[in-house]
């Protein structure tokens, strides 16, 4: 992995280094953090916004992990010792340097809209709130760059007058940050066209800072930058992101209702596939899921299956044709101007906002995350509905895969009973060839079938040599440390054996 230093943190002069050149340490001890160093740390951070009030620290140490009863239980009582809110690069450098010198864990946070406890510190220390580091930098030729703490809605506000918008928006776009989406998100509305963030060409580059007493600012491009994606800020601290953009459109927001499950499912797939219809999102909600969207109750007849379809206004005629052919009825229609004036958008009823609305009605619900096989995704959906019946509440988001195939991703809901039954339901999906991204675990690899990415771990060794970033969340790092320690212990024991 090669990266160029933008500038040394201690000087303005530019330099070029190869971050692969420092040798990977042979053995790195586990975190041995002593909270007694906090007064020294706070003195080093004089002049930077620091929060020590326990109630505020506890609140900021939480995200939406409570969607999972398992995470809610396992993360209970975990929090930072202090929250630090830098607003400039210079302040971030000071925080990083002080933490590295004193061995204090450092957990980055955006606005806390994630679902996996990614901003909940397991080992205490500093919670680094980057929401104040939020400047829009530039937008040109279909590319934009901004600081990591910028809210996604604010990014689009800056880019749209120039004819561009973000390629993907989570349903939390009003408060979610660009860095937070990159650190723990998948994609969102717009992924139906451009795939997830991880699809090559979506994220072009980033600036990160090494976690050292004398931090270095580095630029990573292309595949190297993706090694910091969706790892909860465990292997690198991202300061800026450069992303490819999409042409901005006036989006028409609609609800389409159906009496029959199969008609609605087929319609969702055909609209998602239609090459001539420019779209931002197609969401499929099988009964009884629409009943949980109480704010839209007047547009969702009892027992209906519904689609949330967001299409370009100039595509409306073709869209209406497909709806009619599928036997659906448009019950709700709002132009882009009407959406802007009402400040209500159907985007906040799709993706994981669907889960949020349902939990407000029935707190006993939880959810799973699934990825289907693009060669047979509809057959898999029907087979699972047959296998699980009313136990599974079907919610699908139509997307393109990282490779470009048309597919759907599931955010199915169910009533939580036991950890064992939850695991059984996820295994039933796997048995049908459906991939599970487990949202009930807080270690990076555990959500990905336990797969350890050696390159991700190697990146952490180079950018965070002391292992201070969000410690405990990257199993590959902890197991590496444990294996090296075990090997060293074995060698010591071998050395003490009597010789004959």
Protein backbone atom coordinates (compact mmCIF):
# COMPACT_ATOMS: atom_id res chain seq x y z
CA UNK A 1 0.00 0.00 0.00
CA UNK A 2 1.52 3.31 -1.06
CA UNK A 3 0.37 6.72 0.10
CA UNK A 4 1.60 10.28 -0.18
CA UNK A 5 1.87 12.47 2.87
CA UNK A 6 -0.17 15.62 2.30
CA UNK A 7 1.99 17.38 4.87
CA UNK A 8 3.66 16.38 8.11
CA UNK A 9 1.42 17.28 11.02
CA UNK A 10 4.21 19.23 12.67
CA UNK A 11 5.13 21.27 9.61
CA UNK A 12 3.60 22.81 6.52
CA UNK A 13 6.30 21.60 4.11
CA UNK A 14 5.13 18.85 1.78
CA UNK A 15 6.87 15.48 1.72
CA UNK A 16 6.40 12.07 0.18
CA UNK A 17 6.70 8.80 2.09
CA UNK A 18 5.75 5.22 1.54
CA UNK A 19 3.66 4.10 4.51
CA UNK A 20 4.47 0.52 3.60
CA UNK A 21 8.15 1.19 4.30
CA UNK A 22 8.08 1.07 8.12
CA UNK A 23 8.37 -2.57 9.18
CA UNK A 24 5.24 -4.14 10.67
CA UNK A 25 5.98 -4.67 14.37
CA UNK A 26 6.54 -8.30 15.28
CA UNK A 27 4.55 -8.07 18.50
CA UNK A 28 2.12 -5.42 19.72
CA UNK A 29 0.83 -5.60 23.28
CA UNK A 30 -2.88 -5.39 23.95
CA UNK A 31 -4.35 -2.11 25.20
CA UNK A 32 -3.21 -1.38 28.75
CA UNK A 33 -4.98 1.92 29.22
CA UNK A 34 -4.77 3.64 32.59
CA UNK A 35 -7.53 6.27 33.11
CA UNK A 36 -5.21 7.98 35.60
CA UNK A 37 -3.55 9.70 32.62
CA UNK A 38 -6.75 11.62 31.81
CA UNK A 39 -5.80 14.79 33.72
CA UNK A 40 -2.55 14.93 31.76
CA UNK A 41 -4.48 14.38 28.53
CA UNK A 42 -7.00 17.12 29.31
CA UNK A 43 -4.16 19.53 30.04
CA UNK A 44 -2.64 18.72 26.64
CA UNK A 45 -5.99 19.45 25.00
CA UNK A 46 -6.49 22.86 26.60
CA UNK A 47 -8.48 25.11 24.27
CA UNK A 48 -10.23 22.24 22.45
CA UNK A 49 -13.91 21.54 23.17
CA UNK A 50 -13.98 18.66 25.69
CA UNK A 51 -17.05 17.10 27.33
CA UNK A 52 -16.64 15.38 30.70
CA UNK A 53 -20.25 15.49 31.94
CA UNK A 54 -21.12 11.81 32.49
CA UNK A 55 -24.67 11.95 31.10
CA UNK A 56 -23.53 13.65 27.89
CA UNK A 57 -20.58 11.29 27.50
CA UNK A 58 -22.90 8.29 27.91
CA UNK A 59 -25.34 9.66 25.32
CA UNK A 60 -22.60 10.35 22.79
CA UNK A 61 -21.16 6.86 23.34
CA UNK A 62 -24.33 5.36 21.83
CA UNK A 63 -25.71 4.86 18.36
CA UNK A 64 -28.75 2.90 17.12
CA UNK A 65 -27.35 -0.45 18.24
CA UNK A 66 -30.50 -0.76 20.35
CA UNK A 67 -32.22 -1.96 17.16
CA UNK A 68 -30.64 -5.26 18.25
CA UNK A 69 -31.60 -6.68 21.65
CA UNK A 70 -28.32 -8.59 21.56
CA UNK A 71 -26.17 -5.48 21.06
CA UNK A 72 -28.23 -3.52 23.56
CA UNK A 73 -27.41 -6.15 26.17
CA UNK A 74 -23.75 -6.67 25.26
CA UNK A 75 -22.85 -2.98 25.02
CA UNK A 76 -24.62 -1.98 28.22
CA UNK A 77 -22.36 0.19 30.36
CA UNK A 78 -19.70 0.70 27.69
CA UNK A 79 -18.76 4.35 27.22
CA UNK A 80 -15.93 6.79 26.72
CA UNK A 81 -14.26 8.65 29.56
CA UNK A 82 -14.31 11.98 27.74
CA UNK A 83 -15.62 13.34 24.44
CA UNK A 84 -13.39 15.65 22.39
CA UNK A 85 -14.84 17.83 19.62
CA UNK A 86 -12.10 19.24 17.38
CA UNK A 87 -13.03 21.67 14.63
CA UNK A 88 -9.76 22.06 12.76
CA UNK A 89 -7.07 19.79 11.41
CA UNK A 90 -4.61 21.31 13.86
CA UNK A 91 -6.87 20.36 16.78
CA UNK A 92 -7.25 16.80 15.47
CA UNK A 93 -3.46 16.50 15.24
CA UNK A 94 -3.15 17.63 18.86
CA UNK A 95 -5.74 15.08 20.03
CA UNK A 96 -4.15 12.22 18.11
CA UNK A 97 -0.65 13.11 19.27
CA UNK A 98 -1.69 13.31 22.92
CA UNK A 99 -3.57 10.01 22.81
CA UNK A 100 -0.64 8.27 21.12
CA UNK A 101 1.88 9.62 23.66
CA UNK A 102 -0.29 8.60 26.63
CA UNK A 103 -1.66 5.33 25.22
CA UNK A 104 -5.30 6.46 25.35
CA UNK A 105 -7.88 4.63 23.16
CA UNK A 106 -9.46 6.81 20.50
CA UNK A 107 -12.90 6.03 19.05
CA UNK A 108 -14.15 8.21 16.15
CA UNK A 109 -17.78 9.30 15.94
CA UNK A 110 -19.84 11.11 13.34
CA UNK A 111 -23.41 11.81 14.38
CA UNK A 112 -24.14 8.38 15.87
CA UNK A 113 -26.64 7.13 13.27
CA UNK A 114 -24.98 3.72 12.84
CA UNK A 115 -26.59 0.50 14.03
CA UNK A 116 -23.74 -1.68 15.24
CA UNK A 117 -22.27 0.05 18.28
CA UNK A 118 -19.44 1.29 16.11
CA UNK A 119 -19.05 4.51 18.12
CA UNK A 120 -19.36 2.78 21.51
CA UNK A 121 -15.89 2.48 23.07
CA UNK A 122 -15.19 -0.98 24.45
CA UNK A 123 -12.11 0.16 26.41
CA UNK A 124 -13.09 3.72 27.37
CA UNK A 125 -10.74 6.55 26.52
CA UNK A 126 -11.52 9.42 24.15
CA UNK A 127 -14.57 9.59 21.91
CA UNK A 128 -13.49 11.77 18.99
CA UNK A 129 -16.60 13.59 17.75
CA UNK A 130 -15.81 14.80 14.24
CA UNK A 131 -19.19 16.38 13.53
CA UNK A 132 -17.66 19.86 13.88
CA UNK A 133 -15.00 19.10 11.28
CA UNK A 134 -17.45 19.56 8.47
CA UNK A 135 -16.36 21.88 5.67
CA UNK A 136 -17.38 21.34 2.06
CA UNK A 137 -14.21 21.71 0.04
CA UNK A 138 -14.98 21.58 -3.67
CA UNK A 139 -17.12 20.08 -6.43
CA UNK A 140 -16.06 19.88 -10.08
CA UNK A 141 -16.44 17.59 -13.08
CA UNK A 142 -18.62 15.08 -11.22
CA UNK A 143 -16.33 14.77 -8.21
CA UNK A 144 -16.66 16.32 -4.75
CA UNK A 145 -14.52 16.50 -1.64
CA UNK A 146 -15.37 17.40 1.94
CA UNK A 147 -14.24 16.96 5.52
CA UNK A 148 -15.43 13.78 7.20
CA UNK A 149 -17.86 15.48 9.60
CA UNK A 150 -20.04 17.09 6.95
CA UNK A 151 -23.67 16.02 7.05
CA UNK A 152 -24.77 14.32 3.86
CA UNK A 153 -27.70 16.71 3.41
CA UNK A 154 -25.31 19.67 3.67
CA UNK A 155 -23.00 18.10 1.08
CA UNK A 156 -25.90 17.84 -1.38
CA UNK A 157 -26.97 21.41 -0.60
CA UNK A 158 -23.52 22.54 -1.72
CA UNK A 159 -23.27 20.24 -4.75
CA UNK A 160 -26.76 20.55 -6.27
CA UNK A 161 -26.42 24.17 -7.51
CA UNK A 162 -23.49 22.88 -9.56
CA UNK A 163 -25.66 20.12 -11.04
CA UNK A 164 -24.45 17.22 -8.88
CA UNK A 165 -25.51 15.18 -5.86
CA UNK A 166 -24.19 12.26 -3.83
CA UNK A 167 -24.54 8.87 -5.51
CA UNK A 168 -26.04 7.29 -2.37
CA UNK A 169 -27.91 8.55 0.67
CA UNK A 170 -28.85 6.54 3.74
CA UNK A 171 -32.28 7.27 5.17
CA UNK A 172 -30.47 9.16 7.96
CA UNK A 173 -29.05 11.67 5.46
CA UNK A 174 -30.19 14.73 7.44
CA UNK A 175 -27.85 13.95 10.34
CA UNK A 176 -25.45 11.24 9.09
CA UNK A 177 -21.95 12.37 8.22
CA UNK A 178 -19.85 11.52 5.19
CA UNK A 179 -17.14 9.95 7.33
CA UNK A 180 -19.69 8.03 9.38
CA UNK A 181 -21.29 6.59 6.26
CA UNK A 182 -17.88 5.57 5.00
CA UNK A 183 -16.81 4.08 8.32
CA UNK A 184 -19.87 1.94 8.91
CA UNK A 185 -22.39 2.32 6.08
CA UNK A 186 -23.28 0.35 2.97
CA UNK A 187 -24.96 2.71 0.56
CA UNK A 188 -28.62 3.66 0.52
CA UNK A 189 -30.88 5.46 -1.91
CA UNK A 190 -29.00 5.70 -5.17
CA UNK A 191 -27.39 2.26 -4.78
CA UNK A 192 -29.99 1.08 -7.27
CA UNK A 193 -27.85 2.89 -9.88
CA UNK A 194 -24.31 2.99 -8.50
CA UNK A 195 -24.13 0.01 -6.17
CA UNK A 196 -22.69 0.28 -2.66
CA UNK A 197 -19.91 2.60 -1.59
CA UNK A 198 -17.46 -0.27 -2.05
CA UNK A 199 -18.13 -0.51 -5.80
CA UNK A 200 -14.97 0.59 -7.65
CA UNK A 201 -15.22 4.20 -8.80
CA UNK A 202 -17.53 5.45 -6.05
CA UNK A 203 -14.91 6.55 -3.53
CA UNK A 204 -11.86 8.05 -5.21
CA UNK A 205 -9.62 8.98 -2.33
CA UNK A 206 -9.26 10.13 1.25
CA UNK A 207 -6.98 11.88 3.67
CA UNK A 208 -6.18 10.04 6.89
CA UNK A 209 -3.96 10.67 9.89
CA UNK A 210 -1.64 8.17 11.50
CA UNK A 211 -2.09 7.53 15.23
CA UNK A 212 1.40 8.40 16.43
CA UNK A 213 3.05 10.86 18.77
CA UNK A 214 4.10 12.72 15.63
CA UNK A 215 1.12 12.07 13.32
CA UNK A 216 1.46 12.05 9.55
CA UNK A 217 -1.26 13.16 7.16
CA UNK A 218 -1.55 10.79 4.22
CA UNK A 219 -3.58 10.50 1.02
CA UNK A 220 -4.92 7.10 -0.01
CA UNK A 221 -6.46 6.52 -3.45
CA UNK A 222 -8.69 3.88 -5.02
CA UNK A 223 -8.42 0.36 -3.60
CA UNK A 224 -6.08 1.50 -0.82
CA UNK A 225 -8.74 3.93 0.42
CA UNK A 226 -11.34 1.15 0.49
CA UNK A 227 -9.30 -0.69 3.13
CA UNK A 228 -10.65 1.88 5.61
CA UNK A 229 -14.26 1.40 4.51
CA UNK A 230 -16.85 -0.27 6.78
CA UNK A 231 -14.38 -1.14 9.53
CA UNK A 232 -15.82 1.20 12.19
CA UNK A 233 -12.75 3.44 12.29
CA UNK A 234 -10.62 0.60 13.68
CA UNK A 235 -7.69 0.81 11.26
CA UNK A 236 -7.47 4.46 10.25
CA UNK A 237 -8.82 7.90 11.09
CA UNK A 238 -10.35 9.53 8.00
CA UNK A 239 -10.28 13.32 7.78
CA UNK A 240 -11.45 14.00 4.21
CA UNK A 241 -13.22 12.03 1.50
CA UNK A 242 -13.27 12.51 -2.27
CA UNK A 243 -16.22 10.85 -4.00
CA UNK A 244 -17.72 10.53 -7.46
CA UNK A 245 -21.09 12.24 -7.81
CA UNK A 246 -24.31 11.71 -9.76
CA UNK A 247 -26.19 14.20 -11.95
CA UNK A 248 -28.79 15.96 -9.82
CA UNK A 249 -32.47 15.40 -10.72
CA UNK A 250 -35.83 16.59 -9.49
CA UNK A 251 -37.13 13.45 -7.77
CA UNK A 252 -40.77 12.38 -7.77
CA UNK A 253 -41.77 10.48 -4.60
CA UNK A 254 -44.56 7.90 -4.75
CA UNK A 255 -46.27 5.12 -2.86
CA UNK A 256 -47.64 2.25 -4.98
CA UNK A 257 -50.03 -0.24 -3.38
CA UNK A 258 -50.97 -3.80 -4.37
CA UNK A 259 -53.36 -6.47 -3.17
CA UNK A 260 -51.05 -9.39 -3.95
CA UNK A 261 -47.52 -10.12 -2.73
CA UNK A 262 -46.27 -11.51 -6.05
CA UNK A 263 -47.65 -8.61 -8.07
CA UNK A 264 -45.89 -6.11 -5.83
CA UNK A 265 -42.61 -8.08 -5.83
CA UNK A 266 -42.61 -8.43 -9.63
CA UNK A 267 -43.43 -4.75 -10.04
CA UNK A 268 -40.55 -3.72 -7.77
CA UNK A 269 -38.15 -5.84 -9.79
CA UNK A 270 -39.38 -4.60 -13.17
CA UNK A 271 -39.21 -0.93 -12.13
CA UNK A 272 -35.72 -1.47 -10.69
CA UNK A 273 -34.57 -3.10 -13.94
CA UNK A 274 -36.22 -0.63 -16.35
CA UNK A 275 -33.26 1.01 -18.14
CA UNK A 276 -35.21 4.02 -19.39
CA UNK A 277 -36.52 5.07 -15.98
CA UNK A 278 -34.12 7.14 -13.92
CA UNK A 279 -34.65 6.27 -10.30
CA UNK A 280 -33.20 6.85 -6.84
CA UNK A 281 -34.90 4.07 -4.92
CA UNK A 282 -37.32 1.16 -5.09
CA UNK A 283 -38.41 -0.26 -1.72
CA UNK A 284 -40.66 -3.32 -1.32
CA UNK A 285 -42.73 -3.61 1.87
CA UNK A 286 -44.85 -6.74 2.24
CA UNK A 287 -47.88 -6.75 4.52
CA UNK A 288 -47.99 -6.10 7.42
CA UNK A 289 -44.94 -3.78 7.20
CA UNK A 290 -46.89 -0.83 5.65
CA UNK A 291 -49.12 -0.80 8.74
CA UNK A 292 -46.13 0.29 10.84
CA UNK A 293 -45.70 3.49 8.79
CA UNK A 294 -48.40 5.26 10.76
CA UNK A 295 -47.53 8.73 9.44
CA UNK A 296 -48.52 7.47 5.97
CA UNK A 297 -51.58 5.48 7.07
CA UNK A 298 -54.07 7.37 4.89
CA UNK A 299 -52.16 6.27 1.78
CA UNK A 300 -51.66 2.61 2.76
CA UNK A 301 -54.86 0.53 2.80
CA UNK A 302 -55.14 -2.18 5.43
CA UNK A 303 -53.39 -5.40 4.38
CA UNK A 304 -51.70 -3.88 1.34
CA UNK A 305 -48.25 -4.57 -0.02
CA UNK A 306 -46.49 -1.35 -0.93
CA UNK A 307 -43.60 0.09 -2.91
CA UNK A 308 -41.77 3.30 -2.16
CA UNK A 309 -40.59 4.50 -5.57
CA UNK A 310 -38.47 7.59 -6.09
CA UNK A 311 -38.00 8.35 -9.79
CA UNK A 312 -36.93 11.36 -11.84
CA UNK A 313 -39.88 13.60 -12.68
CA UNK A 314 -39.14 13.24 -16.39
CA UNK A 315 -39.53 9.44 -16.02
CA UNK A 316 -43.05 9.63 -14.61
CA UNK A 317 -44.91 8.50 -17.74
CA UNK A 318 -42.83 5.35 -18.17
CA UNK A 319 -43.07 4.65 -14.45
CA UNK A 320 -46.87 4.96 -14.46
CA UNK A 321 -47.02 2.57 -17.41
CA UNK A 322 -45.11 -0.12 -15.50
CA UNK A 323 -47.26 0.38 -12.39
CA UNK A 324 -50.45 -0.01 -14.43
CA UNK A 325 -49.19 -3.13 -16.20
CA UNK A 326 -48.34 -4.70 -12.83
CA UNK A 327 -51.79 -4.01 -11.37
CA UNK A 328 -50.66 -1.40 -8.87
CA UNK A 329 -52.13 1.92 -7.83
CA UNK A 330 -50.28 5.12 -6.99
CA UNK A 331 -51.75 6.30 -3.69
CA UNK A 332 -49.25 9.07 -2.93
CA UNK A 333 -47.41 11.42 -5.29
CA UNK A 334 -45.22 14.39 -4.47
CA UNK A 335 -43.05 16.43 -6.83
CA UNK A 336 -39.59 17.57 -5.81
CA UNK A 337 -40.96 21.06 -5.15
CA UNK A 338 -43.73 19.68 -2.94
CA UNK A 339 -41.26 17.51 -1.03
CA UNK A 340 -39.00 20.51 -0.41
CA UNK A 341 -41.83 22.72 0.80
CA UNK A 342 -43.37 20.04 3.05
CA UNK A 343 -40.00 18.88 4.47
CA UNK A 344 -41.39 15.32 4.45
CA UNK A 345 -39.59 12.85 2.25
CA UNK A 346 -40.31 9.19 1.65
CA UNK A 347 -36.57 8.61 1.85
CA UNK A 348 -37.09 8.68 5.62
CA UNK A 349 -39.41 5.68 5.39
CA UNK A 350 -37.01 3.47 3.43
CA UNK A 351 -33.87 1.52 4.32
CA UNK A 352 -33.36 1.36 8.09
CA UNK A 353 -35.87 4.11 8.74
CA UNK A 354 -38.49 1.45 8.00
CA UNK A 355 -37.12 -0.48 10.99
CA UNK A 356 -37.13 2.66 13.13
CA UNK A 357 -40.79 3.43 12.35
CA UNK A 358 -41.76 -0.19 13.09
CA UNK A 359 -39.90 -0.21 16.41
CA UNK A 360 -41.79 2.88 17.51
CA UNK A 361 -45.01 0.91 17.09
CA UNK A 362 -43.74 -2.48 18.30
CA UNK A 363 -40.53 -2.40 20.41
CA UNK A 364 -40.46 -6.21 20.36
CA UNK A 365 -39.28 -6.23 16.76
CA UNK A 366 -35.73 -6.56 15.54
CA UNK A 367 -34.19 -7.11 12.10
CA UNK A 368 -31.63 -8.94 10.00
CA UNK A 369 -29.65 -7.84 6.93
CA UNK A 370 -29.47 -10.05 3.88
CA UNK A 371 -27.92 -10.15 0.43
CA UNK A 372 -29.56 -12.23 -2.28
CA UNK A 373 -28.19 -14.04 -5.32
CA UNK A 374 -28.80 -11.80 -8.35
CA UNK A 375 -29.38 -14.85 -10.55
CA UNK A 376 -32.37 -16.02 -8.48
CA UNK A 377 -33.22 -13.32 -5.94
CA UNK A 378 -36.99 -13.37 -6.49
CA UNK A 379 -37.10 -17.16 -6.16
CA UNK A 380 -35.14 -16.89 -2.90
CA UNK A 381 -37.54 -14.26 -1.55
CA UNK A 382 -40.54 -16.48 -2.30
CA UNK A 383 -38.89 -19.61 -0.89
CA UNK A 384 -38.07 -17.86 2.38
CA UNK A 385 -41.58 -16.48 2.65
CA UNK A 386 -42.83 -20.04 2.26
CA UNK A 387 -40.34 -21.34 4.84
CA UNK A 388 -40.87 -18.66 7.50
CA UNK A 389 -44.41 -17.45 6.86
CA UNK A 390 -45.64 -14.68 9.12
CA UNK A 391 -42.56 -14.95 11.33
CA UNK A 392 -40.59 -12.88 8.82
CA UNK A 393 -41.71 -9.38 7.80
CA UNK A 394 -40.36 -8.78 4.32
CA UNK A 395 -38.61 -5.49 3.52
CA UNK A 396 -36.40 -5.35 0.44
CA UNK A 397 -34.31 -2.58 -1.12
CA UNK A 398 -33.51 -2.99 -4.81
CA UNK A 399 -29.89 -2.25 -5.65
CA UNK A 400 -27.04 -3.04 -7.99
CA UNK A 401 -24.28 -5.22 -6.64
CA UNK A 402 -20.66 -4.17 -6.42
CA UNK A 403 -20.20 -6.03 -9.72
CA UNK A 404 -23.15 -4.25 -11.36
CA UNK A 405 -25.86 -6.94 -11.29
CA UNK A 406 -29.47 -6.03 -10.46
CA UNK A 407 -30.44 -7.48 -7.10
CA UNK A 408 -32.15 -6.77 -3.80
CA UNK A 409 -30.91 -6.43 -0.26
CA UNK A 410 -33.11 -7.31 2.68
CA UNK A 411 -33.83 -5.56 5.96
CA UNK A 412 -36.37 -8.13 7.12
CA UNK A 413 -37.97 -7.76 10.52
CA UNK A 414 -39.11 -10.33 13.08
CA UNK A 415 -40.31 -10.49 16.65
CA UNK A 416 -37.34 -11.25 18.88
CA UNK A 417 -37.76 -14.26 21.15
CA UNK A 418 -34.33 -15.73 21.90
CA UNK A 419 -30.78 -15.45 20.62
CA UNK A 420 -31.06 -19.08 19.52
CA UNK A 421 -34.13 -18.52 17.34
CA UNK A 422 -32.57 -15.40 15.87
CA UNK A 423 -29.51 -17.46 14.91
CA UNK A 424 -31.73 -20.20 13.46
CA UNK A 425 -33.58 -17.73 11.24
CA UNK A 426 -30.32 -16.34 9.91
CA UNK A 427 -29.12 -19.90 9.24
CA UNK A 428 -32.33 -20.67 7.34
CA UNK A 429 -31.47 -17.76 5.07
CA UNK A 430 -27.95 -19.10 4.56
CA UNK A 431 -29.38 -22.53 3.79
CA UNK A 432 -31.36 -20.88 0.96
CA UNK A 433 -28.16 -19.35 -0.45
CA UNK A 434 -28.82 -15.90 1.03
CA UNK A 435 -25.89 -13.99 2.55
CA UNK A 436 -26.25 -12.63 6.09
CA UNK A 437 -24.60 -9.40 7.23
CA UNK A 438 -25.22 -9.99 10.92
CA UNK A 439 -26.35 -6.77 12.65
CA UNK A 440 -26.30 -8.39 16.10
CA UNK A 441 -22.53 -8.42 16.58
CA UNK A 442 -20.10 -5.59 17.29
CA UNK A 443 -16.83 -6.93 15.92
CA UNK A 444 -16.15 -6.09 12.30
CA UNK A 445 -15.47 -9.61 11.05
CA UNK A 446 -18.33 -11.23 12.98
CA UNK A 447 -20.78 -9.39 10.78
CA UNK A 448 -19.03 -10.82 7.72
CA UNK A 449 -19.14 -14.54 8.50
CA UNK A 450 -15.97 -14.21 10.56
CA UNK A 451 -13.75 -13.50 7.57
CA UNK A 452 -10.53 -11.71 8.54
CA UNK A 453 -9.11 -9.37 5.91
CA UNK A 454 -5.33 -9.46 6.22
CA UNK A 455 -4.97 -6.21 4.27
CA UNK A 456 -7.28 -4.41 6.70
CA UNK A 457 -5.17 -5.66 9.61
CA UNK A 458 -1.94 -4.69 7.83
CA UNK A 459 -3.36 -1.20 7.24
CA UNK A 460 -4.01 -0.86 10.97
CA UNK A 461 -0.43 -1.91 11.71
CA UNK A 462 0.81 0.93 9.49
CA UNK A 463 -1.65 3.66 10.44
CA UNK A 464 -2.34 2.75 14.08
CA UNK A 465 0.75 0.88 15.31
CA UNK A 466 -0.27 0.99 18.99
CA UNK A 467 -3.77 -0.36 18.25
CA UNK A 468 -5.51 2.65 19.84
CA UNK A 469 -8.31 3.16 17.31
CA UNK A 470 -11.65 1.77 18.49
CA UNK A 471 -9.87 -1.17 20.16
CA UNK A 472 -11.62 -4.50 20.58
CA UNK A 473 -13.70 -4.19 17.41
CA UNK A 474 -11.24 -5.70 14.90
CA UNK A 475 -10.92 -9.40 15.62
CA UNK A 476 -8.08 -9.86 13.14
CA UNK A 477 -5.95 -7.38 15.10
CA UNK A 478 -6.74 -8.89 18.50
CA UNK A 479 -6.13 -12.44 17.30
CA UNK A 480 -2.88 -11.36 15.71
CA UNK A 481 -1.73 -9.90 18.99
CA UNK A 482 -2.90 -12.98 20.92
CA UNK A 483 -1.20 -15.39 18.53
CA UNK A 484 2.07 -13.47 18.68
CA UNK A 485 1.88 -13.34 22.48
CA UNK A 486 1.14 -17.07 22.65
CA UNK A 487 4.08 -17.80 20.37
CA UNK A 488 6.37 -15.67 22.51
CA UNK A 489 5.18 -17.44 25.67
CA UNK A 490 5.76 -20.82 24.08
CA UNK A 491 9.29 -19.81 23.13
CA UNK A 492 9.97 -18.64 26.68
CA UNK A 493 8.73 -21.91 28.12
CA UNK A 494 10.82 -23.84 25.63
CA UNK A 495 13.88 -21.84 26.66
CA UNK A 496 13.40 -22.77 30.34
CA UNK A 497 13.09 -26.52 29.74
CA UNK A 498 16.02 -28.53 31.15
CA UNK A 499 18.53 -29.75 28.59
CA UNK A 500 19.72 -33.37 28.66
